[in-house]
N, C-alpha and C. Protein backbone atom coordinates (compact mmCIF):
# COMPACT_ATOMS: atom_id res chain seq x y z
N UNK A 1 1.05 -1.10 -0.02
CA UNK A 1 0.36 0.34 -0.08
C UNK A 1 0.88 1.33 0.15
N UNK A 2 2.10 1.23 0.95
CA UNK A 2 2.85 2.60 1.07
C UNK A 2 3.31 2.50 -0.45
N UNK A 3 4.34 1.50 -1.02
CA UNK A 3 4.43 1.70 -2.48
C UNK A 3 4.00 2.12 -3.28
N UNK A 4 2.37 1.74 -3.25
CA UNK A 4 1.82 2.36 -4.30
C UNK A 4 1.33 3.91 -3.98
N UNK A 5 1.21 4.56 -2.66
CA UNK A 5 0.86 5.99 -2.55
C UNK A 5 2.37 6.45 -2.97
N UNK A 6 3.30 6.14 -2.83
CA UNK A 6 4.89 6.54 -3.24
C UNK A 6 4.67 6.60 -4.40
N UNK A 7 4.63 5.41 -4.97
CA UNK A 7 4.51 5.60 -6.98
C UNK A 7 3.50 6.48 -7.38
N UNK A 8 2.21 6.86 -6.83
CA UNK A 8 1.10 7.65 -7.40
C UNK A 8 1.85 9.33 -7.11
N UNK A 9 2.35 9.16 -6.01
CA UNK A 9 2.81 10.97 -5.56
C UNK A 9 4.06 11.12 -6.33
N UNK A 10 4.79 10.19 -6.68
CA UNK A 10 6.10 10.64 -7.52
C UNK A 10 5.95 10.42 -9.10
N UNK A 11 4.81 9.80 -9.62
CA UNK A 11 4.52 9.43 -11.01
C UNK A 11 5.29 8.20 -11.56
N UNK A 12 5.73 7.49 -10.80
CA UNK A 12 6.36 6.09 -11.01
C UNK A 12 5.48 5.47 -11.22
N UNK A 13 5.50 4.29 -12.02
CA UNK A 13 4.46 3.10 -12.38
C UNK A 13 4.41 2.70 -10.94
N UNK A 14 3.10 2.29 -10.60
CA UNK A 14 2.53 1.16 -9.74
C UNK A 14 3.22 -0.06 -9.79
N UNK A 15 3.87 -0.69 -8.75
CA UNK A 15 4.03 -2.09 -8.65
C UNK A 15 2.69 -3.21 -9.00
N UNK A 16 3.05 -4.22 -9.92
CA UNK A 16 1.88 -4.80 -10.18
C UNK A 16 1.73 -5.97 -9.34
N UNK A 17 0.39 -6.04 -9.08
CA UNK A 17 0.00 -7.12 -7.53
C UNK A 17 -0.12 -8.59 -8.40
N UNK A 18 0.83 -9.12 -7.51
CA UNK A 18 0.90 -10.61 -7.81
C UNK A 18 -0.48 -11.39 -8.19
N UNK A 19 -0.85 -12.08 -9.14
CA UNK A 19 -2.34 -12.80 -9.07
C UNK A 19 -2.01 -14.01 -8.05
N UNK A 20 -3.17 -14.47 -7.34
CA UNK A 20 -3.23 -15.25 -6.69
C UNK A 20 -3.29 -16.71 -7.19
N UNK A 21 -2.54 -17.43 -6.71
CA UNK A 21 -2.86 -18.73 -7.45
C UNK A 21 -3.43 -19.53 -6.67
N UNK A 22 -4.69 -19.97 -7.67
CA UNK A 22 -6.08 -20.71 -6.84
C UNK A 22 -5.31 -21.71 -6.13
N UNK A 23 -5.98 -22.01 -4.82
CA UNK A 23 -5.52 -23.28 -4.27
C UNK A 23 -5.97 -24.58 -4.89
N UNK A 24 -5.31 -25.73 -4.20
CA UNK A 24 -5.54 -26.93 -4.88
C UNK A 24 -6.30 -27.75 -3.69
N UNK A 25 -6.56 -26.96 -2.21
CA UNK A 25 -7.12 -27.64 -1.45
C UNK A 25 -8.29 -28.13 -1.67
N UNK A 26 -9.41 -28.18 -2.79
CA UNK A 26 -10.49 -28.77 -2.86
C UNK A 26 -10.45 -29.55 -4.07
N UNK A 27 -9.51 -29.46 -4.73
CA UNK A 27 -9.32 -30.26 -6.17
C UNK A 27 -9.99 -31.91 -5.65
N UNK A 28 -9.67 -32.81 -4.81
CA UNK A 28 -9.99 -33.46 -4.73
C UNK A 28 -11.37 -33.75 -5.00
N UNK A 29 -11.89 -33.07 -4.08
CA UNK A 29 -13.73 -32.84 -4.03
C UNK A 29 -14.38 -32.56 -5.55
N UNK A 30 -13.52 -31.64 -6.00
CA UNK A 30 -14.10 -31.36 -7.62
C UNK A 30 -14.18 -32.37 -8.42
N UNK A 31 -13.07 -33.02 -8.79
CA UNK A 31 -12.60 -34.29 -9.22
C UNK A 31 -13.61 -35.34 -8.91
N UNK A 32 -13.97 -35.35 -7.56
CA UNK A 32 -14.54 -36.84 -7.22
C UNK A 32 -15.90 -36.76 -7.63
N UNK A 33 -16.79 -35.53 -7.71
CA UNK A 33 -18.06 -35.00 -7.57
C UNK A 33 -18.19 -34.78 -9.50
N UNK A 34 -17.34 -34.39 -10.28
CA UNK A 34 -17.30 -34.33 -11.30
C UNK A 34 -17.85 -35.53 -12.22
N UNK A 35 -16.53 -36.51 -11.94
CA UNK A 35 -16.64 -37.94 -12.09
C UNK A 35 -18.06 -38.31 -11.70
N UNK A 36 -18.41 -38.06 -10.68
CA UNK A 36 -19.28 -38.66 -9.86
C UNK A 36 -20.86 -38.55 -11.21
N UNK A 37 -20.94 -37.12 -11.23
CA UNK A 37 -22.06 -36.38 -11.54
C UNK A 37 -22.29 -36.23 -13.19
N UNK A 38 -21.00 -36.21 -13.99
CA UNK A 38 -20.76 -36.04 -15.32
C UNK A 38 -19.85 -36.92 -15.81
N UNK A 39 -19.14 -37.88 -15.35
CA UNK A 39 -18.67 -39.27 -16.12
C UNK A 39 -17.15 -38.95 -15.71
N UNK A 40 -16.26 -39.97 -16.19
CA UNK A 40 -14.90 -39.83 -16.33
C UNK A 40 -14.47 -39.20 -17.64
N UNK A 41 -13.46 -38.56 -17.49
CA UNK A 41 -12.88 -37.73 -18.64
C UNK A 41 -13.63 -35.90 -18.41
N UNK A 42 -14.48 -35.79 -18.17
CA UNK A 42 -15.24 -34.32 -17.81
C UNK A 42 -14.48 -33.62 -17.19
N UNK A 43 -14.47 -32.17 -17.80
CA UNK A 43 -13.38 -31.29 -17.22
C UNK A 43 -13.79 -30.79 -16.16
N UNK A 44 -13.18 -31.44 -14.84
CA UNK A 44 -13.31 -30.80 -13.43
C UNK A 44 -12.97 -29.40 -13.11
N UNK A 45 -12.08 -29.32 -13.74
CA UNK A 45 -11.71 -27.84 -13.46
C UNK A 45 -12.52 -26.75 -14.20
N UNK A 46 -13.81 -27.15 -14.46
CA UNK A 46 -14.70 -26.29 -14.73
C UNK A 46 -15.49 -25.79 -13.98
N UNK A 47 -15.69 -26.89 -12.93
CA UNK A 47 -16.18 -26.32 -11.51
C UNK A 47 -15.53 -25.67 -10.48
N UNK A 48 -14.12 -26.32 -11.33
CA UNK A 48 -13.25 -25.28 -9.35
C UNK A 48 -13.69 -23.92 -10.20
N UNK A 49 -13.13 -23.39 -11.70
CA UNK A 49 -13.29 -22.54 -12.42
C UNK A 49 -14.66 -21.94 -11.70
N UNK A 50 -15.84 -22.59 -11.57
CA UNK A 50 -17.03 -21.78 -11.03
C UNK A 50 -17.06 -21.63 -9.65
N UNK A 51 -16.54 -22.42 -9.09
CA UNK A 51 -16.15 -22.03 -7.65
C UNK A 51 -15.13 -20.65 -7.30
N UNK A 52 -14.31 -20.92 -8.31
CA UNK A 52 -13.68 -19.40 -8.27
C UNK A 52 -13.96 -18.18 -8.42
N UNK A 53 -15.48 -18.60 -9.34
CA UNK A 53 -16.56 -17.12 -9.76
C UNK A 53 -17.40 -16.89 -8.60
N UNK A 54 -17.58 -17.81 -7.88
CA UNK A 54 -18.75 -17.90 -7.08
C UNK A 54 -18.47 -17.33 -5.87
N UNK A 55 -16.98 -17.97 -5.09
CA UNK A 55 -16.42 -17.20 -3.67
C UNK A 55 -15.12 -17.10 -3.72
N UNK A 56 -14.56 -17.43 -4.34
CA UNK A 56 -13.14 -17.37 -4.76
C UNK A 56 -12.67 -18.65 -3.50
N UNK A 57 -13.26 -19.44 -3.91
CA UNK A 57 -13.07 -20.84 -2.93
C UNK A 57 -13.10 -20.83 -1.63
N UNK A 58 -14.15 -19.73 -0.90
CA UNK A 58 -13.97 -19.60 0.18
C UNK A 58 -15.30 -20.21 1.05
N UNK A 59 -15.06 -21.60 1.67
CA UNK A 59 -15.99 -22.12 2.29
C UNK A 59 -16.89 -21.19 3.27
N UNK A 60 -16.66 -20.14 3.85
CA UNK A 60 -17.29 -19.16 4.62
C UNK A 60 -18.11 -18.12 3.57
N UNK A 61 -17.95 -18.06 2.66
CA UNK A 61 -18.60 -16.76 1.71
C UNK A 61 -20.20 -17.20 1.93
N UNK A 62 -20.63 -15.58 2.18
CA UNK A 62 -22.25 -15.59 2.55
C UNK A 62 -22.19 -14.08 1.26
N UNK A 63 -23.40 -14.41 0.43
CA UNK A 63 -24.02 -13.83 -0.33
C UNK A 63 -24.82 -12.09 0.09
N UNK A 64 -25.55 -11.74 -0.35
CA UNK A 64 -26.13 -10.20 0.28
C UNK A 64 -27.46 -11.19 0.38
N UNK A 65 -27.88 -12.30 -0.72
CA UNK A 65 -29.05 -12.71 -1.07
C UNK A 65 -29.32 -14.29 -0.22
N UNK A 66 -28.25 -14.38 0.62
CA UNK A 66 -27.98 -15.70 1.29
C UNK A 66 -27.43 -16.54 0.92
N UNK A 67 -26.74 -16.64 0.01
CA UNK A 67 -26.08 -17.95 -0.77
C UNK A 67 -25.31 -18.17 0.29
N UNK A 68 -24.57 -19.56 -0.14
CA UNK A 68 -23.63 -19.99 1.07
C UNK A 68 -22.37 -21.21 0.15
N UNK A 69 -21.30 -20.90 1.05
CA UNK A 69 -20.09 -21.75 0.60
C UNK A 69 -19.75 -21.62 -0.74
N UNK A 70 -18.51 -22.75 -1.11
CA UNK A 70 -17.82 -22.63 -2.16
C UNK A 70 -18.56 -22.14 -3.49
N UNK A 71 -19.79 -23.15 -3.40
CA UNK A 71 -20.63 -22.99 -4.68
C UNK A 71 -21.80 -21.66 -4.78
N UNK A 72 -21.90 -20.77 -3.37
CA UNK A 72 -22.99 -20.28 -3.52
C UNK A 72 -24.05 -20.79 -3.61
N UNK A 73 -24.39 -21.53 -2.84
CA UNK A 73 -25.94 -22.16 -2.66
C UNK A 73 -26.70 -21.61 -1.84
N UNK A 74 -27.88 -21.51 -2.59
CA UNK A 74 -29.09 -21.05 -1.47
C UNK A 74 -29.47 -21.83 -0.38
N UNK A 75 -29.77 -21.40 0.53
CA UNK A 75 -30.36 -22.58 1.39
C UNK A 75 -31.62 -23.70 1.19
N UNK A 76 -31.96 -22.94 0.09
CA UNK A 76 -33.58 -23.56 -0.20
C UNK A 76 -32.93 -24.48 -1.29
N UNK A 77 -32.15 -24.52 -2.13
CA UNK A 77 -31.60 -25.45 -3.46
C UNK A 77 -30.55 -26.27 -2.77
N UNK A 78 -29.65 -25.89 -1.53
CA UNK A 78 -29.33 -26.84 -0.76
C UNK A 78 -30.06 -27.90 -0.17
N UNK A 79 -31.30 -27.98 0.35
CA UNK A 79 -32.21 -28.81 0.99
C UNK A 79 -33.24 -29.31 0.24
N UNK A 80 -33.13 -29.17 -0.82
CA UNK A 80 -33.91 -29.70 -1.66
C UNK A 80 -33.10 -30.57 -2.35
N UNK A 81 -31.82 -30.39 -2.48
CA UNK A 81 -30.56 -31.54 -3.25
C UNK A 81 -30.49 -32.47 -1.92
N UNK A 82 -30.18 -32.06 -0.54
CA UNK A 82 -29.83 -32.84 0.45
C UNK A 82 -30.83 -33.73 1.00
N UNK A 83 -31.90 -33.17 0.63
CA UNK A 83 -33.35 -34.29 1.46
C UNK A 83 -33.35 -35.65 0.62
N UNK A 84 -32.15 -35.66 -0.26
CA UNK A 84 -31.84 -37.27 -0.92
C UNK A 84 -30.92 -37.56 -0.71
N UNK A 85 -30.32 -36.83 -0.32
CA UNK A 85 -28.96 -37.47 0.29
C UNK A 85 -28.51 -37.29 1.67
N UNK A 86 -28.52 -38.41 2.67
CA UNK A 86 -28.58 -38.13 3.90
C UNK A 86 -27.18 -37.73 4.18
N UNK A 87 -26.30 -38.24 3.37
CA UNK A 87 -24.81 -38.10 3.76
C UNK A 87 -24.43 -36.79 3.72
N UNK A 88 -25.15 -35.70 3.17
CA UNK A 88 -25.22 -34.46 3.01
C UNK A 88 -25.66 -33.41 3.97
N UNK A 89 -24.67 -33.25 5.32
CA UNK A 89 -25.03 -32.85 6.28
C UNK A 89 -25.36 -31.27 6.51
N UNK A 90 -24.38 -30.65 5.98
CA UNK A 90 -24.42 -29.26 5.89
C UNK A 90 -23.73 -28.36 4.89
N UNK A 91 -24.69 -27.47 4.62
CA UNK A 91 -24.56 -26.46 3.58
C UNK A 91 -23.10 -25.95 3.49
N UNK A 92 -22.55 -25.45 5.19
CA UNK A 92 -20.89 -25.23 5.01
C UNK A 92 -20.28 -26.22 5.43
N UNK A 93 -20.30 -27.28 4.83
CA UNK A 93 -19.23 -28.27 5.02
C UNK A 93 -18.53 -28.38 3.38
N UNK A 94 -17.62 -27.95 3.03
CA UNK A 94 -16.73 -27.87 1.56
C UNK A 94 -17.52 -28.96 1.11
N UNK A 95 -16.87 -30.05 1.58
CA UNK A 95 -17.53 -31.22 0.83
C UNK A 95 -18.86 -31.06 -0.12
N UNK A 96 -19.80 -31.31 1.04
CA UNK A 96 -21.32 -31.37 0.70
C UNK A 96 -21.50 -29.79 -0.46
N UNK A 97 -20.94 -28.79 0.01
CA UNK A 97 -21.17 -27.58 -0.89
C UNK A 97 -20.83 -28.17 -2.06
N UNK A 98 -19.76 -28.28 -2.37
CA UNK A 98 -19.40 -28.94 -3.93
C UNK A 98 -19.64 -29.92 -4.33
N UNK A 99 -20.15 -30.81 -3.71
CA UNK A 99 -21.53 -31.80 -4.10
C UNK A 99 -22.64 -31.68 -4.61
N UNK A 100 -23.05 -30.64 -3.85
CA UNK A 100 -24.40 -30.20 -4.24
C UNK A 100 -24.44 -29.46 -5.21
N UNK A 101 -23.53 -28.29 -5.43
CA UNK A 101 -22.98 -27.45 -6.71
C UNK A 101 -23.16 -28.22 -7.93
N UNK A 102 -22.06 -29.12 -7.69
CA UNK A 102 -22.04 -29.84 -9.36
C UNK A 102 -23.24 -30.82 -9.42
N UNK A 103 -23.90 -31.18 -8.34
CA UNK A 103 -25.18 -31.69 -8.64
C UNK A 103 -26.13 -31.04 -9.22
N UNK A 104 -26.44 -29.94 -8.85
CA UNK A 104 -27.33 -28.90 -9.45
C UNK A 104 -26.77 -28.38 -10.89
N UNK A 105 -25.42 -28.14 -11.29
CA UNK A 105 -24.77 -28.28 -12.51
C UNK A 105 -25.21 -29.34 -13.21
N UNK A 106 -25.59 -30.43 -12.84
CA UNK A 106 -25.64 -31.73 -13.96
C UNK A 106 -27.22 -31.75 -14.14
N UNK A 107 -27.83 -30.98 -12.97
CA UNK A 107 -29.43 -31.00 -13.62
C UNK A 107 -29.61 -29.80 -14.44
N UNK A 108 -28.65 -28.55 -14.72
CA UNK A 108 -28.91 -27.55 -15.68
C UNK A 108 -28.41 -28.31 -17.02
N UNK A 109 -27.20 -29.03 -17.14
CA UNK A 109 -26.70 -29.75 -17.86
C UNK A 109 -27.77 -30.30 -18.87
N UNK A 110 -28.37 -31.20 -18.16
CA UNK A 110 -29.55 -32.17 -18.96
C UNK A 110 -30.41 -31.20 -19.33
N UNK A 111 -30.67 -30.10 -19.04
CA UNK A 111 -31.81 -28.86 -19.30
C UNK A 111 -31.68 -28.83 -20.68
N UNK A 112 -30.36 -28.72 -21.36
CA UNK A 112 -30.16 -28.53 -22.21
C UNK A 112 -29.48 -29.50 -23.19
N UNK A 113 -29.82 -30.71 -22.96
CA UNK A 113 -29.12 -31.83 -23.63
C UNK A 113 -29.85 -32.17 -24.75
N UNK A 114 -30.67 -31.85 -25.37
CA UNK A 114 -31.13 -31.92 -26.64
C UNK A 114 -31.30 -30.89 -27.56
N UNK A 115 -31.17 -30.09 -26.94
CA UNK A 115 -31.15 -28.51 -27.47
C UNK A 115 -30.19 -27.22 -28.06
N UNK A 116 -28.90 -27.53 -27.08
CA UNK A 116 -27.78 -26.79 -27.20
C UNK A 116 -26.76 -27.48 -27.78
N UNK A 117 -25.69 -27.25 -28.75
CA UNK A 117 -24.51 -28.14 -28.60
C UNK A 117 -23.67 -28.21 -27.59
N UNK A 118 -23.12 -28.88 -27.70
CA UNK A 118 -22.18 -29.37 -26.72
C UNK A 118 -20.92 -28.35 -26.47
N UNK A 119 -20.32 -27.84 -27.39
CA UNK A 119 -19.36 -26.61 -27.38
C UNK A 119 -20.10 -25.18 -26.28
N UNK A 120 -21.28 -24.97 -26.77
CA UNK A 120 -21.98 -24.17 -25.78
C UNK A 120 -22.90 -24.33 -24.49
N UNK A 121 -23.02 -25.82 -24.32
CA UNK A 121 -24.13 -26.08 -23.34
C UNK A 121 -23.53 -25.53 -21.99
N UNK A 122 -22.39 -25.99 -22.04
CA UNK A 122 -22.11 -25.50 -20.66
C UNK A 122 -21.76 -24.19 -19.82
N UNK A 123 -21.96 -23.00 -21.26
CA UNK A 123 -22.33 -21.59 -21.07
C UNK A 123 -23.69 -21.58 -20.31
N UNK A 124 -24.84 -22.52 -21.31
CA UNK A 124 -26.12 -22.39 -20.85
C UNK A 124 -26.34 -23.13 -19.10
N UNK A 125 -25.31 -24.11 -18.67
CA UNK A 125 -25.72 -24.50 -17.54
C UNK A 125 -25.09 -23.28 -16.70
N UNK A 126 -23.81 -22.87 -16.72
CA UNK A 126 -23.39 -21.78 -15.59
C UNK A 126 -24.59 -20.73 -15.88
N UNK A 127 -24.75 -20.24 -17.16
CA UNK A 127 -25.92 -19.23 -17.04
C UNK A 127 -27.34 -19.20 -16.05
N UNK A 128 -27.72 -20.68 -16.31
CA UNK A 128 -29.00 -21.14 -15.53
C UNK A 128 -28.58 -21.07 -14.21
N UNK A 129 -27.33 -21.50 -13.99
CA UNK A 129 -26.97 -21.44 -12.62
C UNK A 129 -26.97 -20.36 -11.56
N UNK A 130 -26.63 -19.22 -12.43
CA UNK A 130 -26.61 -17.99 -11.81
C UNK A 130 -27.95 -17.05 -11.60
N UNK A 131 -28.89 -17.37 -12.91
CA UNK A 131 -29.95 -16.68 -13.25
C UNK A 131 -30.83 -17.55 -13.18
N UNK A 132 -31.08 -18.60 -13.06
CA UNK A 132 -32.12 -19.52 -13.34
C UNK A 132 -32.08 -19.96 -14.84
N UNK A 133 -32.90 -21.07 -14.58
CA UNK A 133 -33.22 -21.67 -16.09
C UNK A 133 -34.32 -21.01 -16.93
N UNK A 134 -35.19 -20.57 -16.05
CA UNK A 134 -36.20 -19.91 -16.56
C UNK A 134 -35.83 -18.53 -17.39
N UNK A 135 -34.62 -18.10 -16.73
CA UNK A 135 -34.42 -16.59 -17.36
C UNK A 135 -34.00 -17.27 -18.71
N UNK A 136 -33.19 -18.14 -18.51
CA UNK A 136 -32.38 -17.98 -19.90
C UNK A 136 -33.25 -18.94 -20.70
N UNK A 137 -33.99 -19.60 -20.55
CA UNK A 137 -35.62 -20.01 -21.38
C UNK A 137 -36.12 -18.65 -22.34
N UNK A 138 -35.96 -17.60 -21.53
CA UNK A 138 -36.77 -16.44 -21.64
C UNK A 138 -35.90 -15.87 -22.83
N UNK A 139 -34.35 -16.19 -22.46
CA UNK A 139 -33.51 -15.40 -23.30
C UNK A 139 -33.74 -16.14 -24.64
N UNK A 140 -33.61 -17.36 -24.46
CA UNK A 140 -34.04 -18.29 -26.02
C UNK A 140 -35.08 -17.71 -26.62
N UNK A 141 -36.23 -17.33 -25.75
CA UNK A 141 -37.45 -16.94 -26.58
C UNK A 141 -36.95 -15.73 -27.24
N UNK A 142 -36.43 -14.64 -26.85
CA UNK A 142 -36.23 -13.40 -27.44
C UNK A 142 -34.98 -13.80 -28.67
N UNK A 143 -34.31 -14.39 -28.65
CA UNK A 143 -33.24 -14.66 -29.52
C UNK A 143 -34.11 -15.28 -30.65
N UNK A 144 -35.04 -16.41 -30.36
CA UNK A 144 -36.05 -17.09 -31.53
C UNK A 144 -36.73 -15.62 -31.97
N UNK A 145 -37.11 -14.92 -31.36
CA UNK A 145 -38.32 -14.03 -31.95
C UNK A 145 -37.45 -12.98 -32.71
N UNK A 146 -35.81 -12.50 -32.29
CA UNK A 146 -35.45 -11.86 -33.16
C UNK A 146 -34.60 -12.29 -34.33
N UNK A 147 -34.81 -13.51 -34.46
CA UNK A 147 -34.61 -14.27 -35.54
C UNK A 147 -33.06 -14.80 -35.69
N UNK A 148 -32.45 -15.09 -34.57
CA UNK A 148 -30.83 -15.66 -33.96
C UNK A 148 -31.42 -16.90 -33.45
N UNK A 149 -29.94 -17.75 -33.44
CA UNK A 149 -29.73 -19.12 -33.21
C UNK A 149 -30.02 -19.06 -31.69
N UNK A 150 -31.19 -19.39 -30.97
CA UNK A 150 -31.20 -19.52 -29.52
C UNK A 150 -30.40 -20.64 -29.35
N UNK A 151 -29.47 -21.46 -29.98
CA UNK A 151 -28.92 -22.38 -29.38
C UNK A 151 -27.51 -21.83 -28.99
N UNK A 152 -27.12 -21.08 -29.52
CA UNK A 152 -25.85 -20.28 -29.20
C UNK A 152 -26.10 -19.24 -27.99
N UNK A 153 -24.82 -19.54 -27.35
CA UNK A 153 -24.63 -18.14 -26.23
C UNK A 153 -24.04 -16.96 -27.06
N UNK A 154 -23.75 -16.87 -28.07
CA UNK A 154 -23.38 -15.50 -28.59
C UNK A 154 -24.91 -14.89 -28.76
N UNK A 155 -25.73 -15.41 -29.26
CA UNK A 155 -27.15 -15.12 -29.50
C UNK A 155 -27.79 -14.61 -27.74
N UNK A 156 -27.61 -15.63 -27.28
CA UNK A 156 -27.99 -15.04 -25.68
C UNK A 156 -27.48 -13.82 -24.98
N UNK A 157 -26.20 -13.79 -25.54
CA UNK A 157 -25.48 -12.39 -24.86
C UNK A 157 -26.36 -11.36 -25.80
N UNK A 158 -26.45 -11.30 -27.00
CA UNK A 158 -26.56 -10.31 -28.04
C UNK A 158 -28.31 -9.60 -27.43
N UNK A 159 -29.09 -10.58 -27.17
CA UNK A 159 -30.50 -10.16 -26.68
C UNK A 159 -30.61 -9.83 -25.23
N UNK A 160 -29.33 -10.12 -24.73
CA UNK A 160 -29.45 -10.09 -23.00
C UNK A 160 -30.24 -8.76 -22.61
N UNK A 161 -29.66 -7.59 -23.21
CA UNK A 161 -30.47 -5.96 -22.83
C UNK A 161 -32.06 -6.09 -22.69
N UNK A 162 -32.38 -6.99 -23.92
CA UNK A 162 -33.59 -6.67 -24.06
C UNK A 162 -34.83 -7.79 -23.37
N UNK A 163 -33.95 -8.45 -22.62
CA UNK A 163 -34.73 -9.65 -21.98
C UNK A 163 -35.51 -9.13 -20.49
N UNK A 164 -36.45 -9.21 -20.23
CA UNK A 164 -36.82 -8.47 -18.94
C UNK A 164 -36.64 -9.07 -17.80
N UNK A 165 -36.40 -8.51 -16.75
CA UNK A 165 -36.31 -9.05 -15.37
C UNK A 165 -34.83 -10.12 -15.18
N UNK A 166 -33.63 -9.44 -15.51
CA UNK A 166 -32.78 -10.12 -15.88
C UNK A 166 -31.43 -9.16 -15.23
N UNK A 167 -30.97 -9.80 -14.67
CA UNK A 167 -29.36 -8.70 -13.95
C UNK A 167 -28.66 -9.38 -15.26
N UNK A 168 -28.94 -8.78 -16.47
CA UNK A 168 -27.50 -10.19 -17.34
C UNK A 168 -26.10 -9.69 -17.00
N UNK A 169 -25.71 -8.49 -17.09
CA UNK A 169 -24.54 -8.27 -16.83
C UNK A 169 -23.48 -9.00 -15.91
N UNK A 170 -24.68 -9.04 -14.64
CA UNK A 170 -24.01 -10.18 -13.65
C UNK A 170 -23.88 -11.37 -14.23
N UNK A 171 -24.90 -12.10 -15.03
CA UNK A 171 -25.01 -13.61 -15.68
C UNK A 171 -23.49 -13.58 -16.74
N UNK A 172 -23.64 -12.62 -17.42
CA UNK A 172 -22.84 -12.79 -18.66
C UNK A 172 -21.26 -12.59 -17.87
N UNK A 173 -20.95 -11.86 -17.03
CA UNK A 173 -19.77 -11.30 -16.46
C UNK A 173 -19.38 -13.20 -15.45
N UNK A 174 -20.35 -13.59 -14.96
CA UNK A 174 -20.39 -14.65 -14.61
C UNK A 174 -19.53 -15.90 -15.01
N UNK A 175 -20.49 -16.11 -16.25
CA UNK A 175 -20.16 -17.30 -17.57
C UNK A 175 -18.79 -16.73 -18.01
N UNK A 176 -18.33 -15.61 -18.06
CA UNK A 176 -17.09 -15.08 -19.04
C UNK A 176 -16.07 -15.48 -17.55
N UNK A 177 -16.18 -14.96 -16.24
CA UNK A 177 -15.41 -15.00 -15.37
C UNK A 177 -14.75 -16.64 -15.02
N UNK A 178 -16.00 -17.58 -15.15
CA UNK A 178 -15.84 -19.08 -15.65
C UNK A 178 -14.74 -19.34 -16.30
N UNK A 179 -15.04 -18.72 -17.33
CA UNK A 179 -13.78 -19.18 -18.73
C UNK A 179 -12.64 -18.46 -18.22
N UNK A 180 -12.60 -17.58 -17.91
CA UNK A 180 -11.01 -16.83 -17.60
C UNK A 180 -10.27 -18.04 -16.49
N UNK A 181 -11.18 -17.81 -15.56
CA UNK A 181 -10.80 -18.97 -14.75
C UNK A 181 -10.12 -20.29 -15.22
N UNK A 182 -11.18 -20.80 -15.75
CA UNK A 182 -10.60 -22.26 -16.54
C UNK A 182 -9.33 -21.95 -17.41
N UNK A 183 -9.19 -20.87 -18.17
CA UNK A 183 -7.94 -20.95 -18.57
C UNK A 183 -6.60 -20.81 -17.88
N UNK A 184 -6.71 -19.82 -16.35
CA UNK A 184 -6.02 -19.87 -15.46
C UNK A 184 -5.16 -21.29 -14.84
N UNK A 185 -6.36 -22.21 -14.76
CA UNK A 185 -6.24 -23.33 -14.23
C UNK A 185 -5.23 -24.27 -15.23
N UNK A 186 -5.42 -24.15 -16.51
CA UNK A 186 -4.60 -24.93 -17.40
C UNK A 186 -5.54 -24.60 -18.72
N UNK A 187 -4.21 -24.44 -19.65
CA UNK A 187 -4.62 -24.51 -20.87
C UNK A 187 -6.25 -25.77 -21.47
N UNK A 188 -7.06 -24.92 -22.08
CA UNK A 188 -7.87 -25.35 -22.34
C UNK A 188 -8.46 -26.58 -23.62
N UNK A 189 -6.79 -26.83 -23.98
CA UNK A 189 -7.33 -27.62 -25.39
C UNK A 189 -8.11 -28.85 -25.03
N UNK A 190 -7.96 -29.66 -23.76
CA UNK A 190 -8.61 -30.79 -24.10
C UNK A 190 -10.12 -30.72 -23.11
N UNK A 191 -10.36 -29.05 -23.11
CA UNK A 191 -11.76 -29.16 -22.33
C UNK A 191 -13.05 -29.34 -23.58
N UNK A 192 -12.96 -29.18 -24.59
CA UNK A 192 -13.89 -29.16 -25.25
C UNK A 192 -14.08 -30.72 -25.76
N UNK A 193 -13.28 -31.54 -25.98
CA UNK A 193 -13.31 -32.89 -25.97
C UNK A 193 -13.72 -33.59 -24.98
N UNK A 194 -13.35 -33.26 -23.80
CA UNK A 194 -13.99 -33.84 -22.58
C UNK A 194 -15.32 -33.45 -21.88
N UNK A 195 -15.84 -32.22 -22.42
CA UNK A 195 -17.03 -31.77 -22.31
C UNK A 195 -17.94 -32.51 -22.93
N UNK A 196 -17.91 -33.31 -23.94
CA UNK A 196 -18.72 -33.72 -24.90
C UNK A 196 -19.15 -34.94 -24.17
N UNK A 197 -20.71 -35.01 -23.56
CA UNK A 197 -21.28 -36.05 -23.06
C UNK A 197 -22.86 -36.01 -22.83
């Protein structure tokens, strides 16, 4: 902080802050539940990238609307998921928070199974996680009415400002943040093949 103030006062360039390297502390959980709910070979780092976007991988994170944990699940969503899984004891337990988040992702992944190509489906999945699938369906309807291909994420981005009742900047930024986080974790070369399921 002092170095930045001195640099500003003297006109010297500000020191560049080092980017934090994402912790590998919860990788075993991301791997385990990606494999369990998406199958062998699916790109588990997409879910870690999601956790980075949601909470910075903080198990104690809480949002202003009440979402909690690494995957920022609403307590009601967690309750719905955990009511069928007695081993999922607490939303604040990182393992169960990650497991429930990825399980919810799986539900959203299947929502667009037959209607969106695999190359874009992960964007629809994460967009639905952030905004709710109903919002993304509405966006698809607006894209269709605008004579755009509702099966591609660029069309959704294009019509987003015209979709009623959607804080679209948050959702579009969220999907982009996941993509950037995924690139930070390692090159994306294999992720396209591994997300085809």
